[in-house]
Every structure is written in C-alpha cells, then in structure tokens.
C-alpha cells in the first residue's frame, strides 16, 4: 500500500489530523507505517507535452524529417540515452521522456526551442497555446 499526500507548509497544521485519519483507516491496529516528509516533485504537465510535440512537428515538417527521429536526436543532445553492451557491441537506447519531471521537461522544451532558433524556424510562443511561463 502506498499513498502520497501533498500538503503546503502553510496548511500543515490543519491537514495533519486528516492525514492521520486516512492512515488509521488503512492500517491495522499495531501495524508500523513509514511517513516520509520531503519536497514535492512536480510532474510534467499535459500543456508542456502538447507544446513540445507541436514544436517537434513544426520543425520536422520544415526540415523534412520524421517527428520521432527529430525527438530522438533532441533526447540524444540532452543525454537521455543509455549505452548497453551486448555480445561485444554497444547498443544505444534512447530513454523515454515519460518519466521526466516538470523542470527536466522544461529543459527538453528549451532544447527544442534552441534547435528551432539555430534552424531559423519560428515557433509559436507557449502563452499563445494556453501555457503559462511558470510551467517551464
């Protein structure tokens, strides 16, 4: 069993009884539980994902490349690769962006924007697609 609670420090006092009641409701009497306190890590947003894929599509169309190949090249530039040795050969595996957190995905978007700039391709600004600057 695993439950996560995100509580702002300002609301900690009022939320602790609620968190305690949830724990008591899910754990047998006398059972030991572990409570970990740490900084919440924000996942990437759907907005970030949509914007990145839109930009990759624009660049790919402009340079005549498949979007999936372009995305793999950008991942490679960011070091989102893993080299595996098998039967005396090096196999390069491009990691997925699905597990990137919000800040890391923001770096991915920045790399897309830098590539577009180097290629003199104008991309739409995120704010014109309902994306606030703070999501990066």
Protein backbone atom coordinates (compact mmCIF):
# COMPACT_ATOMS: atom_id res chain seq x y z
CA UNK A 1 0.00 0.00 0.00
CA UNK A 2 1.29 3.43 -0.89
CA UNK A 3 -0.43 6.78 -0.60
CA UNK A 4 1.02 10.18 -1.25
CA UNK A 5 -0.16 13.41 0.32
CA UNK A 6 0.87 16.83 -0.93
CA UNK A 7 0.41 19.48 1.70
CA UNK A 8 1.55 23.10 1.59
CA UNK A 9 3.58 24.03 4.64
CA UNK A 10 1.05 26.79 5.40
CA UNK A 11 -1.75 24.19 5.75
CA UNK A 12 0.23 21.52 7.56
CA UNK A 13 -1.43 22.06 10.94
CA UNK A 14 -4.96 21.73 9.63
CA UNK A 15 -4.13 18.81 7.30
CA UNK A 16 -2.31 16.54 9.78
CA UNK A 17 -5.49 15.27 11.50
CA UNK A 18 -6.92 14.39 8.08
CA UNK A 19 -3.72 12.60 7.02
CA UNK A 20 -3.70 10.74 10.35
CA UNK A 21 -7.30 9.59 9.91
CA UNK A 22 -6.55 8.28 6.41
CA UNK A 23 -3.57 6.32 7.74
CA UNK A 24 -5.61 4.91 10.63
CA UNK A 25 -8.37 3.89 8.20
CA UNK A 26 -5.99 1.88 6.01
CA UNK A 27 -3.64 0.30 8.53
CA UNK A 28 -4.40 -2.44 11.01
CA UNK A 29 -4.04 -1.57 14.69
CA UNK A 30 -0.47 -2.06 15.86
CA UNK A 31 0.93 -2.11 12.32
CA UNK A 32 4.02 0.01 11.72
CA UNK A 33 3.93 2.58 8.91
CA UNK A 34 6.59 4.84 7.46
CA UNK A 35 5.88 8.51 6.88
CA UNK A 36 8.35 10.35 4.68
CA UNK A 37 8.49 14.11 4.50
CA UNK A 38 10.16 15.75 1.55
CA UNK A 39 9.82 18.30 -1.16
CA UNK A 40 7.10 17.52 -3.68
CA UNK A 41 8.44 16.94 -7.18
CA UNK A 42 6.06 18.17 -9.86
CA UNK A 43 5.42 16.01 -12.89
CA UNK A 44 5.45 17.48 -16.35
CA UNK A 45 2.16 18.98 -17.45
CA UNK A 46 -0.06 17.96 -20.32
CA UNK A 47 0.42 21.51 -21.62
CA UNK A 48 4.17 21.01 -21.76
CA UNK A 49 3.77 17.72 -23.55
CA UNK A 50 1.34 19.11 -26.15
CA UNK A 51 3.54 22.14 -26.79
CA UNK A 52 6.70 20.05 -27.19
CA UNK A 53 5.05 17.68 -29.65
CA UNK A 54 3.56 20.58 -31.61
CA UNK A 55 7.00 22.24 -31.88
CA UNK A 56 8.69 18.99 -32.87
CA UNK A 57 6.06 18.56 -35.58
CA UNK A 58 6.69 22.06 -36.93
CA UNK A 59 10.47 21.61 -37.03
CA UNK A 60 10.22 18.12 -38.54
CA UNK A 61 7.95 19.38 -41.31
CA UNK A 62 10.28 22.28 -42.08
CA UNK A 63 13.39 20.09 -42.38
CA UNK A 64 11.73 17.05 -43.94
CA UNK A 65 12.37 14.72 -41.01
CA UNK A 66 10.06 12.33 -39.18
CA UNK A 67 8.97 13.75 -35.79
CA UNK A 68 10.06 10.60 -33.93
CA UNK A 69 13.57 10.84 -35.42
CA UNK A 70 13.83 14.51 -34.51
CA UNK A 71 12.66 13.80 -30.96
CA UNK A 72 15.30 11.06 -30.64
CA UNK A 73 18.01 13.48 -31.83
CA UNK A 74 16.95 16.06 -29.24
CA UNK A 75 16.95 13.42 -26.50
CA UNK A 76 20.44 12.41 -27.58
CA UNK A 77 21.63 16.03 -27.30
CA UNK A 78 20.23 16.19 -23.76
CA UNK A 79 21.94 12.96 -22.78
CA UNK A 80 18.71 10.99 -22.49
CA UNK A 81 20.46 7.93 -23.79
CA UNK A 82 21.84 4.80 -22.26
CA UNK A 83 24.56 2.63 -23.71
CA UNK A 84 24.21 -1.09 -23.18
CA UNK A 85 26.89 -3.62 -24.04
CA UNK A 86 25.59 -6.83 -25.56
CA UNK A 87 27.59 -9.56 -27.26
CA UNK A 88 30.57 -7.25 -27.73
CA UNK A 89 28.51 -4.47 -29.30
CA UNK A 90 27.37 -1.14 -27.94
CA UNK A 91 23.65 -0.58 -28.24
CA UNK A 92 22.37 2.94 -27.69
CA UNK A 93 18.93 3.15 -26.12
CA UNK A 94 17.06 6.45 -26.23
CA UNK A 95 15.23 6.96 -22.94
CA UNK A 96 11.59 7.93 -22.78
CA UNK A 97 10.56 11.41 -21.69
CA UNK A 98 7.55 9.96 -19.87
CA UNK A 99 9.34 9.91 -16.52
CA UNK A 100 10.78 13.44 -16.75
CA UNK A 101 9.70 15.87 -14.07
CA UNK A 102 8.38 19.36 -14.85
CA UNK A 103 11.75 21.13 -14.71
CA UNK A 104 13.51 18.44 -16.75
CA UNK A 105 10.77 18.51 -19.37
CA UNK A 106 11.15 22.28 -19.43
CA UNK A 107 14.81 21.75 -20.37
CA UNK A 108 13.63 19.41 -23.13
CA UNK A 109 11.36 22.18 -24.45
CA UNK A 110 14.19 24.71 -24.20
CA UNK A 111 16.38 22.42 -26.31
CA UNK A 112 13.59 22.20 -28.92
CA UNK A 113 13.37 26.00 -28.98
CA UNK A 114 17.15 26.36 -29.31
CA UNK A 115 17.19 23.92 -32.21
CA UNK A 116 14.43 25.87 -33.95
CA UNK A 117 16.42 29.07 -33.47
CA UNK A 118 19.57 27.51 -34.96
CA UNK A 119 17.50 26.43 -37.96
CA UNK A 120 15.81 29.85 -38.28
CA UNK A 121 12.41 28.30 -37.65
CA UNK A 122 9.92 30.41 -35.75
CA UNK A 123 7.88 28.54 -33.18
CA UNK A 124 4.70 29.83 -31.57
CA UNK A 125 5.13 31.17 -28.06
CA UNK A 126 3.80 28.90 -25.30
CA UNK A 127 1.49 31.59 -23.93
CA UNK A 128 -0.46 31.61 -27.20
CA UNK A 129 -1.36 27.98 -26.56
CA UNK A 130 -2.66 28.38 -23.03
CA UNK A 131 0.68 27.60 -21.41
CA UNK A 132 1.86 29.83 -18.60
CA UNK A 133 5.55 30.61 -18.44
CA UNK A 134 5.81 29.15 -14.93
CA UNK A 135 5.14 25.64 -16.23
CA UNK A 136 8.70 25.53 -17.57
